[in-house]
Amino acid sequence: MDIMSSLRADVFRSVVTIIIPGATAVSPFLAVAGHRFPQLGIWVEQNAGVSGIVLLLVAVAAGQVLEELGAFIESKVWDRRLKRKNPEHLREWYEYLRLAFEVEPVGQEYLRTLTLGLKFELNFGVSLFFSLFGILCFNWLSGLFSGCEMFVFGAGMLLLACYLLWESKDSCKCLAEVRRELLKGANVGGRSQSTKND
């Protein structure tokens, strides 16, 4: 993978796992602030460039917090669940972290794709709870939606959030299985796992 391809992959990963969830979580609260303080909206319109940078930084900061919350769910909930089913789960995880591939297997790219999906499921799923709370606050101030409309919209967001978090459980399980398969034929410190076992 060349430098530009690696850079594009890093940028895409940051957008998907940090910026989108962060922006989703904070946008309703920014709308609340704009509704509560009209002069803030005027300042944003008059200083579009600066406000855009500030909003991006706020979204990134929120995304980092969501990343920590997602990692907490992964390690304290799903990993513990996997460890109960497979006592070797953590050993396999740490052994995978020590891998040094002489030739990167095809499965490694698949693992990256799965990891990206897992991070999105966790971070965006958590962000929807914060976003829903912000939308409820904004609707309370503005009365934009009726009670029935708000109920349907809120129920839809909750269902989507719960679905994403539940799917993250299956993603964690799939990641563990792929790591286990990679360990079987991996090169560790220049020797293949199969050779070392022999």
N, C-alpha and C. Protein backbone atom coordinates (compact mmCIF):
# COMPACT_ATOMS: atom_id res chain seq x y z
N MET A 1 0.85 -1.20 0.00
CA MET A 1 0.00 0.00 0.00
C MET A 1 0.88 1.24 0.00
N ASP A 2 0.73 2.16 -0.99
CA ASP A 2 1.57 3.33 -1.05
C ASP A 2 1.09 4.38 -0.05
N ILE A 3 1.88 5.47 0.05
CA ILE A 3 1.59 6.49 1.06
C ILE A 3 0.24 7.14 0.83
N MET A 4 -0.08 7.48 -0.43
CA MET A 4 -1.35 8.16 -0.70
C MET A 4 -2.54 7.25 -0.41
N SER A 5 -2.42 5.98 -0.76
CA SER A 5 -3.51 5.04 -0.47
C SER A 5 -3.70 4.90 1.03
N SER A 6 -2.58 4.83 1.75
CA SER A 6 -2.66 4.72 3.20
C SER A 6 -3.29 5.97 3.81
N LEU A 7 -2.92 7.15 3.28
CA LEU A 7 -3.48 8.40 3.78
C LEU A 7 -4.97 8.48 3.52
N ARG A 8 -5.39 8.08 2.32
CA ARG A 8 -6.82 8.09 2.00
C ARG A 8 -7.59 7.14 2.91
N ALA A 9 -7.00 5.97 3.18
CA ALA A 9 -7.65 5.01 4.06
C ALA A 9 -7.79 5.56 5.47
N ASP A 10 -6.74 6.26 5.95
CA ASP A 10 -6.79 6.85 7.30
C ASP A 10 -7.84 7.95 7.38
N VAL A 11 -7.91 8.79 6.34
CA VAL A 11 -8.90 9.86 6.32
C VAL A 11 -10.31 9.29 6.28
N PHE A 12 -10.52 8.29 5.42
CA PHE A 12 -11.85 7.67 5.33
C PHE A 12 -12.24 7.03 6.66
N ARG A 13 -11.29 6.36 7.30
CA ARG A 13 -11.56 5.73 8.59
C ARG A 13 -11.93 6.76 9.65
N SER A 14 -11.22 7.90 9.64
CA SER A 14 -11.52 8.96 10.61
C SER A 14 -12.90 9.56 10.37
N VAL A 15 -13.24 9.76 9.10
CA VAL A 15 -14.56 10.32 8.77
C VAL A 15 -15.67 9.39 9.23
N VAL A 16 -15.51 8.10 8.94
CA VAL A 16 -16.56 7.13 9.24
C VAL A 16 -16.70 6.87 10.73
N THR A 17 -15.59 6.75 11.44
CA THR A 17 -15.65 6.33 12.84
C THR A 17 -15.60 7.47 13.85
N ILE A 18 -15.14 8.66 13.43
CA ILE A 18 -15.01 9.77 14.37
C ILE A 18 -15.92 10.94 14.00
N ILE A 19 -15.76 11.47 12.78
CA ILE A 19 -16.44 12.72 12.43
C ILE A 19 -17.95 12.52 12.28
N ILE A 20 -18.37 11.48 11.54
CA ILE A 20 -19.82 11.27 11.35
C ILE A 20 -20.53 11.00 12.67
N PRO A 21 -20.06 10.07 13.51
CA PRO A 21 -20.73 9.89 14.80
C PRO A 21 -20.68 11.15 15.67
N GLY A 22 -19.54 11.84 15.69
CA GLY A 22 -19.43 13.05 16.50
C GLY A 22 -20.39 14.13 16.05
N ALA A 23 -20.46 14.35 14.73
CA ALA A 23 -21.38 15.36 14.20
C ALA A 23 -22.83 14.98 14.48
N THR A 24 -23.15 13.69 14.38
CA THR A 24 -24.50 13.23 14.66
C THR A 24 -24.89 13.51 16.10
N ALA A 25 -23.94 13.30 17.02
CA ALA A 25 -24.23 13.49 18.44
C ALA A 25 -24.40 14.96 18.82
N VAL A 26 -23.58 15.85 18.25
CA VAL A 26 -23.59 17.24 18.71
C VAL A 26 -24.50 18.15 17.91
N SER A 27 -24.88 17.76 16.68
CA SER A 27 -25.68 18.65 15.83
C SER A 27 -26.97 19.13 16.49
N PRO A 28 -27.76 18.25 17.12
CA PRO A 28 -28.99 18.74 17.76
C PRO A 28 -28.71 19.75 18.88
N PHE A 29 -27.61 19.57 19.60
CA PHE A 29 -27.29 20.49 20.68
C PHE A 29 -26.85 21.85 20.13
N LEU A 30 -26.19 21.82 18.97
CA LEU A 30 -25.85 23.08 18.31
C LEU A 30 -27.11 23.81 17.85
N ALA A 31 -28.10 23.02 17.39
CA ALA A 31 -29.39 23.62 17.01
C ALA A 31 -30.08 24.22 18.23
N VAL A 32 -29.98 23.54 19.37
CA VAL A 32 -30.55 24.07 20.61
C VAL A 32 -29.88 25.39 20.98
N ALA A 33 -28.54 25.41 20.88
CA ALA A 33 -27.80 26.64 21.21
C ALA A 33 -28.17 27.78 20.26
N GLY A 34 -28.32 27.45 18.96
CA GLY A 34 -28.72 28.48 18.00
C GLY A 34 -30.12 29.00 18.25
N HIS A 35 -31.02 28.14 18.68
CA HIS A 35 -32.40 28.55 18.98
C HIS A 35 -32.47 29.36 20.27
N ARG A 36 -31.67 28.95 21.24
CA ARG A 36 -31.67 29.63 22.54
C ARG A 36 -30.95 30.95 22.49
N PHE A 37 -29.90 31.04 21.69
CA PHE A 37 -29.10 32.26 21.57
C PHE A 37 -29.04 32.67 20.11
N PRO A 38 -30.01 33.44 19.62
CA PRO A 38 -30.05 33.83 18.20
C PRO A 38 -28.79 34.54 17.72
N GLN A 39 -28.14 35.27 18.62
CA GLN A 39 -26.92 35.98 18.23
C GLN A 39 -25.80 35.03 17.84
N LEU A 40 -25.86 33.81 18.37
CA LEU A 40 -24.88 32.81 17.99
C LEU A 40 -25.03 32.42 16.52
N GLY A 41 -26.27 32.27 16.06
CA GLY A 41 -26.53 31.96 14.66
C GLY A 41 -26.04 33.07 13.75
N ILE A 42 -26.22 34.32 14.20
CA ILE A 42 -25.74 35.46 13.40
C ILE A 42 -24.22 35.43 13.29
N TRP A 43 -23.55 35.11 14.40
CA TRP A 43 -22.09 35.05 14.38
C TRP A 43 -21.62 33.95 13.44
N VAL A 44 -22.29 32.80 13.45
CA VAL A 44 -21.92 31.70 12.57
C VAL A 44 -22.05 32.11 11.11
N GLU A 45 -23.12 32.81 10.77
CA GLU A 45 -23.31 33.26 9.38
C GLU A 45 -22.26 34.26 8.96
N GLN A 46 -21.85 35.12 9.88
CA GLN A 46 -20.88 36.16 9.56
C GLN A 46 -19.44 35.64 9.54
N ASN A 47 -19.21 34.51 10.19
CA ASN A 47 -17.85 33.96 10.27
C ASN A 47 -17.90 32.49 9.86
N ALA A 48 -18.29 32.27 8.63
CA ALA A 48 -18.53 30.90 8.15
C ALA A 48 -17.27 30.05 8.23
N GLY A 49 -16.12 30.60 7.84
CA GLY A 49 -14.89 29.82 7.83
C GLY A 49 -14.47 29.39 9.24
N VAL A 50 -14.43 30.38 10.14
CA VAL A 50 -14.02 30.08 11.52
C VAL A 50 -15.01 29.14 12.19
N SER A 51 -16.31 29.41 12.01
CA SER A 51 -17.33 28.57 12.64
C SER A 51 -17.27 27.14 12.09
N GLY A 52 -16.96 27.02 10.81
CA GLY A 52 -16.84 25.68 10.23
C GLY A 52 -15.72 24.89 10.87
N ILE A 53 -14.57 25.54 11.10
CA ILE A 53 -13.44 24.88 11.76
C ILE A 53 -13.81 24.51 13.20
N VAL A 54 -14.48 25.44 13.89
CA VAL A 54 -14.88 25.17 15.28
C VAL A 54 -15.84 23.99 15.34
N LEU A 55 -16.80 23.96 14.44
CA LEU A 55 -17.77 22.86 14.42
C LEU A 55 -17.09 21.53 14.12
N LEU A 56 -16.10 21.55 13.21
CA LEU A 56 -15.37 20.33 12.90
C LEU A 56 -14.60 19.84 14.13
N LEU A 57 -13.96 20.77 14.84
CA LEU A 57 -13.22 20.39 16.03
C LEU A 57 -14.14 19.84 17.12
N VAL A 58 -15.31 20.45 17.25
CA VAL A 58 -16.30 19.96 18.23
C VAL A 58 -16.74 18.54 17.86
N ALA A 59 -16.99 18.33 16.55
CA ALA A 59 -17.40 17.00 16.09
C ALA A 59 -16.30 15.96 16.34
N VAL A 60 -15.05 16.34 16.08
CA VAL A 60 -13.92 15.43 16.31
C VAL A 60 -13.79 15.10 17.79
N ALA A 61 -13.90 16.13 18.64
CA ALA A 61 -13.80 15.91 20.08
C ALA A 61 -14.92 14.98 20.57
N ALA A 62 -16.13 15.24 20.10
CA ALA A 62 -17.25 14.37 20.46
C ALA A 62 -17.04 12.96 19.94
N GLY A 63 -16.49 12.85 18.72
CA GLY A 63 -16.22 11.54 18.14
C GLY A 63 -15.20 10.75 18.95
N GLN A 64 -14.21 11.45 19.49
CA GLN A 64 -13.21 10.77 20.32
C GLN A 64 -13.83 10.24 21.61
N VAL A 65 -14.74 11.01 22.19
CA VAL A 65 -15.44 10.55 23.38
C VAL A 65 -16.29 9.31 23.06
N LEU A 66 -16.98 9.36 21.92
CA LEU A 66 -17.78 8.22 21.49
C LEU A 66 -16.91 7.00 21.21
N GLU A 67 -15.71 7.24 20.68
CA GLU A 67 -14.76 6.16 20.43
C GLU A 67 -14.41 5.45 21.75
N GLU A 68 -14.20 6.25 22.81
CA GLU A 68 -13.89 5.67 24.12
C GLU A 68 -15.07 4.88 24.66
N LEU A 69 -16.28 5.41 24.49
CA LEU A 69 -17.47 4.69 24.95
C LEU A 69 -17.65 3.39 24.17
N GLY A 70 -17.41 3.45 22.85
CA GLY A 70 -17.52 2.25 22.03
C GLY A 70 -16.49 1.21 22.42
N ALA A 71 -15.25 1.66 22.70
CA ALA A 71 -14.20 0.74 23.12
C ALA A 71 -14.55 0.11 24.48
N PHE A 72 -15.20 0.88 25.34
CA PHE A 72 -15.63 0.35 26.64
C PHE A 72 -16.65 -0.78 26.45
N ILE A 73 -17.61 -0.56 25.56
CA ILE A 73 -18.61 -1.60 25.29
C ILE A 73 -17.94 -2.84 24.70
N GLU A 74 -17.01 -2.62 23.78
CA GLU A 74 -16.32 -3.75 23.15
C GLU A 74 -15.54 -4.58 24.16
N SER A 75 -14.78 -3.90 25.04
CA SER A 75 -13.90 -4.63 25.96
C SER A 75 -14.63 -5.17 27.18
N LYS A 76 -15.56 -4.38 27.71
CA LYS A 76 -16.20 -4.77 28.96
C LYS A 76 -17.46 -5.62 28.77
N VAL A 77 -18.03 -5.59 27.58
CA VAL A 77 -19.26 -6.36 27.35
C VAL A 77 -19.01 -7.50 26.37
N TRP A 78 -18.67 -7.15 25.12
CA TRP A 78 -18.56 -8.19 24.08
C TRP A 78 -17.35 -9.09 24.28
N ASP A 79 -16.18 -8.50 24.63
CA ASP A 79 -14.99 -9.34 24.83
C ASP A 79 -15.16 -10.29 26.02
N ARG A 80 -15.81 -9.82 27.06
CA ARG A 80 -16.06 -10.70 28.21
C ARG A 80 -17.01 -11.83 27.83
N ARG A 81 -17.99 -11.49 27.00
CA ARG A 81 -18.92 -12.53 26.52
C ARG A 81 -18.18 -13.57 25.69
N LEU A 82 -17.27 -13.11 24.81
CA LEU A 82 -16.50 -14.04 23.99
C LEU A 82 -15.54 -14.87 24.83
N LYS A 83 -14.99 -14.26 25.89
CA LYS A 83 -14.06 -14.98 26.75
C LYS A 83 -14.78 -16.11 27.49
N ARG A 84 -16.03 -15.90 27.86
CA ARG A 84 -16.79 -16.97 28.52
C ARG A 84 -16.99 -18.15 27.59
N LYS A 85 -17.17 -17.86 26.29
CA LYS A 85 -17.37 -18.94 25.33
C LYS A 85 -16.06 -19.55 24.88
N ASN A 86 -15.01 -18.74 24.85
CA ASN A 86 -13.69 -19.22 24.42
C ASN A 86 -12.65 -18.67 25.39
N PRO A 87 -12.21 -19.46 26.37
CA PRO A 87 -11.24 -18.98 27.36
C PRO A 87 -9.92 -18.49 26.74
N GLU A 88 -9.64 -18.89 25.50
CA GLU A 88 -8.40 -18.49 24.83
C GLU A 88 -8.54 -17.17 24.07
N HIS A 89 -9.68 -16.52 24.19
CA HIS A 89 -9.97 -15.32 23.39
C HIS A 89 -8.90 -14.24 23.58
N LEU A 90 -8.62 -13.87 24.83
CA LEU A 90 -7.66 -12.80 25.07
C LEU A 90 -6.25 -13.22 24.70
N ARG A 91 -5.89 -14.49 24.94
CA ARG A 91 -4.56 -14.95 24.55
C ARG A 91 -4.38 -14.84 23.04
N GLU A 92 -5.41 -15.23 22.29
CA GLU A 92 -5.35 -15.13 20.84
C GLU A 92 -5.25 -13.68 20.39
N TRP A 93 -5.95 -12.79 21.08
CA TRP A 93 -5.92 -11.36 20.73
C TRP A 93 -4.52 -10.78 20.94
N TYR A 94 -3.90 -11.07 22.08
CA TYR A 94 -2.57 -10.54 22.35
C TYR A 94 -1.51 -11.19 21.45
N GLU A 95 -1.69 -12.45 21.14
CA GLU A 95 -0.77 -13.11 20.21
C GLU A 95 -0.88 -12.49 18.82
N TYR A 96 -2.10 -12.15 18.42
CA TYR A 96 -2.28 -11.49 17.13
C TYR A 96 -1.58 -10.13 17.10
N LEU A 97 -1.63 -9.40 18.22
CA LEU A 97 -0.99 -8.09 18.28
C LEU A 97 0.53 -8.17 18.11
N ARG A 98 1.10 -9.34 18.39
CA ARG A 98 2.55 -9.52 18.26
C ARG A 98 2.97 -10.02 16.89
N LEU A 99 2.01 -10.20 15.99
CA LEU A 99 2.33 -10.75 14.68
C LEU A 99 3.21 -9.81 13.86
N ALA A 100 4.11 -10.42 13.09
CA ALA A 100 4.91 -9.67 12.11
C ALA A 100 4.83 -10.45 10.81
N PHE A 101 4.01 -9.98 9.87
CA PHE A 101 3.81 -10.70 8.62
C PHE A 101 4.98 -10.46 7.67
N GLU A 102 5.52 -11.54 7.12
CA GLU A 102 6.49 -11.41 6.02
C GLU A 102 5.73 -11.07 4.74
N VAL A 103 4.64 -11.76 4.50
CA VAL A 103 3.74 -11.46 3.39
C VAL A 103 2.35 -11.33 3.98
N GLU A 104 1.75 -10.15 3.80
CA GLU A 104 0.44 -9.90 4.40
C GLU A 104 -0.62 -10.77 3.75
N PRO A 105 -1.35 -11.56 4.54
CA PRO A 105 -2.39 -12.43 3.96
C PRO A 105 -3.61 -11.63 3.52
N VAL A 106 -4.39 -12.22 2.63
CA VAL A 106 -5.61 -11.57 2.14
C VAL A 106 -6.55 -11.27 3.30
N GLY A 107 -6.57 -12.17 4.28
CA GLY A 107 -7.47 -12.00 5.41
C GLY A 107 -7.22 -10.76 6.23
N GLN A 108 -6.01 -10.20 6.15
CA GLN A 108 -5.69 -9.01 6.92
C GLN A 108 -6.52 -7.81 6.44
N GLU A 109 -6.68 -7.69 5.13
CA GLU A 109 -7.51 -6.61 4.58
C GLU A 109 -8.97 -6.80 4.98
N TYR A 110 -9.41 -8.04 4.98
CA TYR A 110 -10.78 -8.35 5.42
C TYR A 110 -10.95 -7.97 6.89
N LEU A 111 -9.91 -8.19 7.69
CA LEU A 111 -9.95 -7.84 9.10
C LEU A 111 -10.08 -6.32 9.27
N ARG A 112 -9.37 -5.57 8.46
CA ARG A 112 -9.47 -4.10 8.53
C ARG A 112 -10.90 -3.65 8.21
N THR A 113 -11.50 -4.28 7.19
CA THR A 113 -12.87 -3.93 6.82
C THR A 113 -13.84 -4.23 7.96
N LEU A 114 -13.68 -5.39 8.59
CA LEU A 114 -14.52 -5.76 9.72
C LEU A 114 -14.34 -4.79 10.89
N THR A 115 -13.09 -4.40 11.14
CA THR A 115 -12.80 -3.48 12.24
C THR A 115 -13.45 -2.13 12.00
N LEU A 116 -13.38 -1.65 10.76
CA LEU A 116 -14.02 -0.38 10.42
C LEU A 116 -15.53 -0.46 10.65
N GLY A 117 -16.13 -1.57 10.22
CA GLY A 117 -17.57 -1.75 10.44
C GLY A 117 -17.91 -1.79 11.91
N LEU A 118 -17.10 -2.48 12.70
CA LEU A 118 -17.34 -2.58 14.14
C LEU A 118 -17.28 -1.20 14.80
N LYS A 119 -16.24 -0.43 14.46
CA LYS A 119 -16.10 0.90 15.07
C LYS A 119 -17.28 1.81 14.69
N PHE A 120 -17.74 1.69 13.45
CA PHE A 120 -18.89 2.50 13.05
C PHE A 120 -20.14 2.08 13.82
N GLU A 121 -20.36 0.78 13.92
CA GLU A 121 -21.54 0.29 14.65
C GLU A 121 -21.54 0.77 16.09
N LEU A 122 -20.40 0.67 16.75
CA LEU A 122 -20.33 1.08 18.14
C LEU A 122 -20.46 2.59 18.29
N ASN A 123 -19.63 3.34 17.55
CA ASN A 123 -19.60 4.79 17.72
C ASN A 123 -20.88 5.46 17.26
N PHE A 124 -21.38 5.06 16.09
CA PHE A 124 -22.61 5.68 15.58
C PHE A 124 -23.82 5.23 16.41
N GLY A 125 -23.81 3.96 16.84
CA GLY A 125 -24.90 3.49 17.68
C GLY A 125 -25.01 4.29 18.96
N VAL A 126 -23.88 4.53 19.63
CA VAL A 126 -23.89 5.33 20.85
C VAL A 126 -24.28 6.77 20.56
N SER A 127 -23.82 7.31 19.43
CA SER A 127 -24.10 8.71 19.09
C SER A 127 -25.59 8.97 18.93
N LEU A 128 -26.34 7.96 18.49
CA LEU A 128 -27.77 8.13 18.28
C LEU A 128 -28.52 8.40 19.58
N PHE A 129 -28.03 7.84 20.69
CA PHE A 129 -28.67 8.12 21.98
C PHE A 129 -28.50 9.59 22.37
N PHE A 130 -27.27 10.10 22.20
CA PHE A 130 -27.03 11.51 22.49
C PHE A 130 -27.82 12.40 21.54
N SER A 131 -27.83 12.02 20.26
CA SER A 131 -28.55 12.81 19.27
C SER A 131 -30.03 12.87 19.57
N LEU A 132 -30.60 11.75 19.97
CA LEU A 132 -32.03 11.73 20.29
C LEU A 132 -32.35 12.64 21.46
N PHE A 133 -31.50 12.62 22.48
CA PHE A 133 -31.71 13.51 23.62
C PHE A 133 -31.66 14.98 23.18
N GLY A 134 -30.71 15.30 22.31
CA GLY A 134 -30.61 16.67 21.80
C GLY A 134 -31.82 17.06 20.97
N ILE A 135 -32.32 16.13 20.16
CA ILE A 135 -33.51 16.40 19.35
C ILE A 135 -34.73 16.63 20.23
N LEU A 136 -34.84 15.85 21.31
CA LEU A 136 -35.95 16.05 22.25
C LEU A 136 -35.88 17.44 22.90
N CYS A 137 -34.67 17.85 23.26
CA CYS A 137 -34.50 19.19 23.84
C CYS A 137 -34.87 20.27 22.84
N PHE A 138 -34.42 20.10 21.60
CA PHE A 138 -34.72 21.10 20.57
C PHE A 138 -36.23 21.16 20.30
N ASN A 139 -36.87 20.01 20.24
CA ASN A 139 -38.30 19.99 19.99
C ASN A 139 -39.09 20.59 21.14
N TRP A 140 -38.58 20.40 22.35
CA TRP A 140 -39.23 21.00 23.53
C TRP A 140 -39.17 22.52 23.45
N LEU A 141 -38.06 23.07 22.92
CA LEU A 141 -37.91 24.51 22.80
C LEU A 141 -38.68 25.08 21.60
N SER A 142 -38.65 24.34 20.49
CA SER A 142 -39.20 24.88 19.24
C SER A 142 -40.60 24.39 18.91
N GLY A 143 -40.98 23.21 19.43
CA GLY A 143 -42.28 22.64 19.06
C GLY A 143 -42.37 22.30 17.59
N LEU A 144 -41.23 21.92 16.99
CA LEU A 144 -41.20 21.66 15.56
C LEU A 144 -42.03 20.43 15.18
N PHE A 145 -41.98 19.38 16.01
CA PHE A 145 -42.71 18.15 15.74
C PHE A 145 -43.82 17.97 16.76
N SER A 146 -44.89 17.33 16.32
CA SER A 146 -45.96 16.97 17.25
C SER A 146 -45.50 15.81 18.13
N GLY A 147 -46.27 15.55 19.18
CA GLY A 147 -45.92 14.45 20.08
C GLY A 147 -45.88 13.11 19.37
N CYS A 148 -46.84 12.87 18.49
CA CYS A 148 -46.90 11.62 17.75
C CYS A 148 -45.71 11.48 16.81
N GLU A 149 -45.40 12.57 16.10
CA GLU A 149 -44.26 12.55 15.18
C GLU A 149 -42.96 12.30 15.93
N MET A 150 -42.83 12.95 17.09
CA MET A 150 -41.62 12.79 17.87
C MET A 150 -41.49 11.36 18.40
N PHE A 151 -42.62 10.76 18.76
CA PHE A 151 -42.60 9.39 19.25
C PHE A 151 -42.13 8.42 18.16
N VAL A 152 -42.66 8.58 16.96
CA VAL A 152 -42.28 7.70 15.85
C VAL A 152 -40.81 7.89 15.50
N PHE A 153 -40.40 9.16 15.41
CA PHE A 153 -39.02 9.46 15.07
C PHE A 153 -38.06 8.94 16.14
N GLY A 154 -38.41 9.17 17.40
CA GLY A 154 -37.56 8.72 18.49
C GLY A 154 -37.47 7.20 18.56
N ALA A 155 -38.61 6.54 18.36
CA ALA A 155 -38.61 5.07 18.37
C ALA A 155 -37.73 4.52 17.26
N GLY A 156 -37.79 5.16 16.09
CA GLY A 156 -36.95 4.73 14.97
C GLY A 156 -35.47 4.88 15.29
N MET A 157 -35.09 6.00 15.92
CA MET A 157 -33.68 6.21 16.28
C MET A 157 -33.23 5.19 17.32
N LEU A 158 -34.08 4.91 18.31
CA LEU A 158 -33.72 3.93 19.34
C LEU A 158 -33.55 2.54 18.74
N LEU A 159 -34.45 2.18 17.84
CA LEU A 159 -34.35 0.87 17.20
C LEU A 159 -33.06 0.76 16.39
N LEU A 160 -32.73 1.82 15.65
CA LEU A 160 -31.50 1.81 14.86
C LEU A 160 -30.28 1.71 15.77
N ALA A 161 -30.28 2.46 16.87
CA ALA A 161 -29.15 2.42 17.80
C ALA A 161 -28.98 1.03 18.40
N CYS A 162 -30.09 0.44 18.84
CA CYS A 162 -30.02 -0.89 19.43
C CYS A 162 -29.59 -1.94 18.39
N TYR A 163 -30.07 -1.77 17.17
CA TYR A 163 -29.67 -2.70 16.10
C TYR A 163 -28.18 -2.63 15.85
N LEU A 164 -27.61 -1.42 15.76
CA LEU A 164 -26.19 -1.27 15.50
C LEU A 164 -25.35 -1.84 16.63
N LEU A 165 -25.76 -1.59 17.88
CA LEU A 165 -25.00 -2.12 19.00
C LEU A 165 -25.09 -3.65 19.06
N TRP A 166 -26.25 -4.19 18.71
CA TRP A 166 -26.38 -5.65 18.69
C TRP A 166 -25.55 -6.25 17.56
N GLU A 167 -25.53 -5.58 16.41
CA GLU A 167 -24.70 -6.06 15.30
C GLU A 167 -23.22 -6.02 15.65
N SER A 168 -22.83 -5.06 16.50
CA SER A 168 -21.42 -4.99 16.90
C SER A 168 -21.01 -6.24 17.66
N LYS A 169 -21.94 -6.89 18.33
CA LYS A 169 -21.63 -8.16 19.01
C LYS A 169 -21.20 -9.21 17.98
N ASP A 170 -21.97 -9.33 16.89
CA ASP A 170 -21.62 -10.29 15.85
C ASP A 170 -20.31 -9.91 15.15
N SER A 171 -20.07 -8.60 15.00
CA SER A 171 -18.81 -8.15 14.39
C SER A 171 -17.62 -8.55 15.25
N CYS A 172 -17.75 -8.40 16.58
CA CYS A 172 -16.68 -8.80 17.48
C CYS A 172 -16.41 -10.30 17.38
N LYS A 173 -17.47 -11.08 17.29
CA LYS A 173 -17.34 -12.52 17.16
C LYS A 173 -16.64 -12.89 15.85
N CYS A 174 -17.04 -12.23 14.77
CA CYS A 174 -16.43 -12.50 13.47
C CYS A 174 -14.96 -12.10 13.46
N LEU A 175 -14.63 -10.96 14.07
CA LEU A 175 -13.24 -10.53 14.16
C LEU A 175 -12.39 -11.56 14.90
N ALA A 176 -12.93 -12.09 16.00
CA ALA A 176 -12.20 -13.09 16.77
C ALA A 176 -11.94 -14.34 15.94
N GLU A 177 -12.92 -14.74 15.15
CA GLU A 177 -12.76 -15.93 14.32
C GLU A 177 -11.73 -15.71 13.22
N VAL A 178 -11.74 -14.52 12.61
CA VAL A 178 -10.76 -14.22 11.56
C VAL A 178 -9.36 -14.15 12.14
N ARG A 179 -9.20 -13.52 13.31
CA ARG A 179 -7.89 -13.47 13.95
C ARG A 179 -7.37 -14.87 14.25
N ARG A 180 -8.26 -15.75 14.69
CA ARG A 180 -7.87 -17.12 15.00
C ARG A 180 -7.35 -17.83 13.74
N GLU A 181 -8.02 -17.60 12.62
CA GLU A 181 -7.58 -18.21 11.37
C GLU A 181 -6.25 -17.63 10.89
N LEU A 182 -6.08 -16.32 11.07
CA LEU A 182 -4.81 -15.71 10.66
C LEU A 182 -3.65 -16.23 11.50
N LEU A 183 -3.91 -16.50 12.76
CA LEU A 183 -2.85 -17.00 13.63
C LEU A 183 -2.33 -18.36 13.18
N LYS A 184 -3.19 -19.14 12.55
CA LYS A 184 -2.81 -20.50 12.19
C LYS A 184 -1.67 -20.53 11.17
N GLY A 185 -1.67 -19.57 10.25
CA GLY A 185 -0.62 -19.60 9.22
C GLY A 185 0.24 -18.36 9.23
N ALA A 186 0.18 -17.60 10.36
CA ALA A 186 0.90 -16.33 10.39
C ALA A 186 2.38 -16.52 10.63
N ASN A 187 3.16 -15.53 10.21
CA ASN A 187 4.58 -15.49 10.52
C ASN A 187 4.78 -14.65 11.77
N VAL A 188 5.35 -15.24 12.79
CA VAL A 188 5.62 -14.53 14.04
C VAL A 188 7.12 -14.40 14.19
N GLY A 189 7.59 -13.17 14.04
CA GLY A 189 9.04 -12.95 14.15
C GLY A 189 9.83 -13.68 13.08
N GLY A 190 9.21 -13.84 11.89
CA GLY A 190 9.93 -14.45 10.78
C GLY A 190 9.71 -15.93 10.62
N ARG A 191 9.02 -16.58 11.56
CA ARG A 191 8.72 -18.00 11.45
C ARG A 191 7.23 -18.19 11.38
N SER A 192 6.78 -19.13 10.59
CA SER A 192 5.35 -19.40 10.49
C SER A 192 4.87 -20.07 11.75
N GLN A 193 3.61 -19.81 12.08
CA GLN A 193 3.03 -20.42 13.27
C GLN A 193 3.05 -21.93 13.18
N SER A 194 2.77 -22.46 11.97
CA SER A 194 2.75 -23.91 11.82
C SER A 194 4.14 -24.51 12.03
N THR A 195 5.18 -23.80 11.56
CA THR A 195 6.54 -24.26 11.73
C THR A 195 6.94 -24.25 13.19
N LYS A 196 6.53 -23.19 13.90
CA LYS A 196 6.87 -23.06 15.30
C LYS A 196 6.24 -24.19 16.10
N ASN A 197 5.00 -24.53 15.75
CA ASN A 197 4.30 -25.61 16.46
C ASN A 197 4.96 -26.95 16.20
N ASP A 198 5.54 -27.14 14.99
CA ASP A 198 6.24 -28.38 14.69
C ASP A 198 7.54 -28.49 15.49
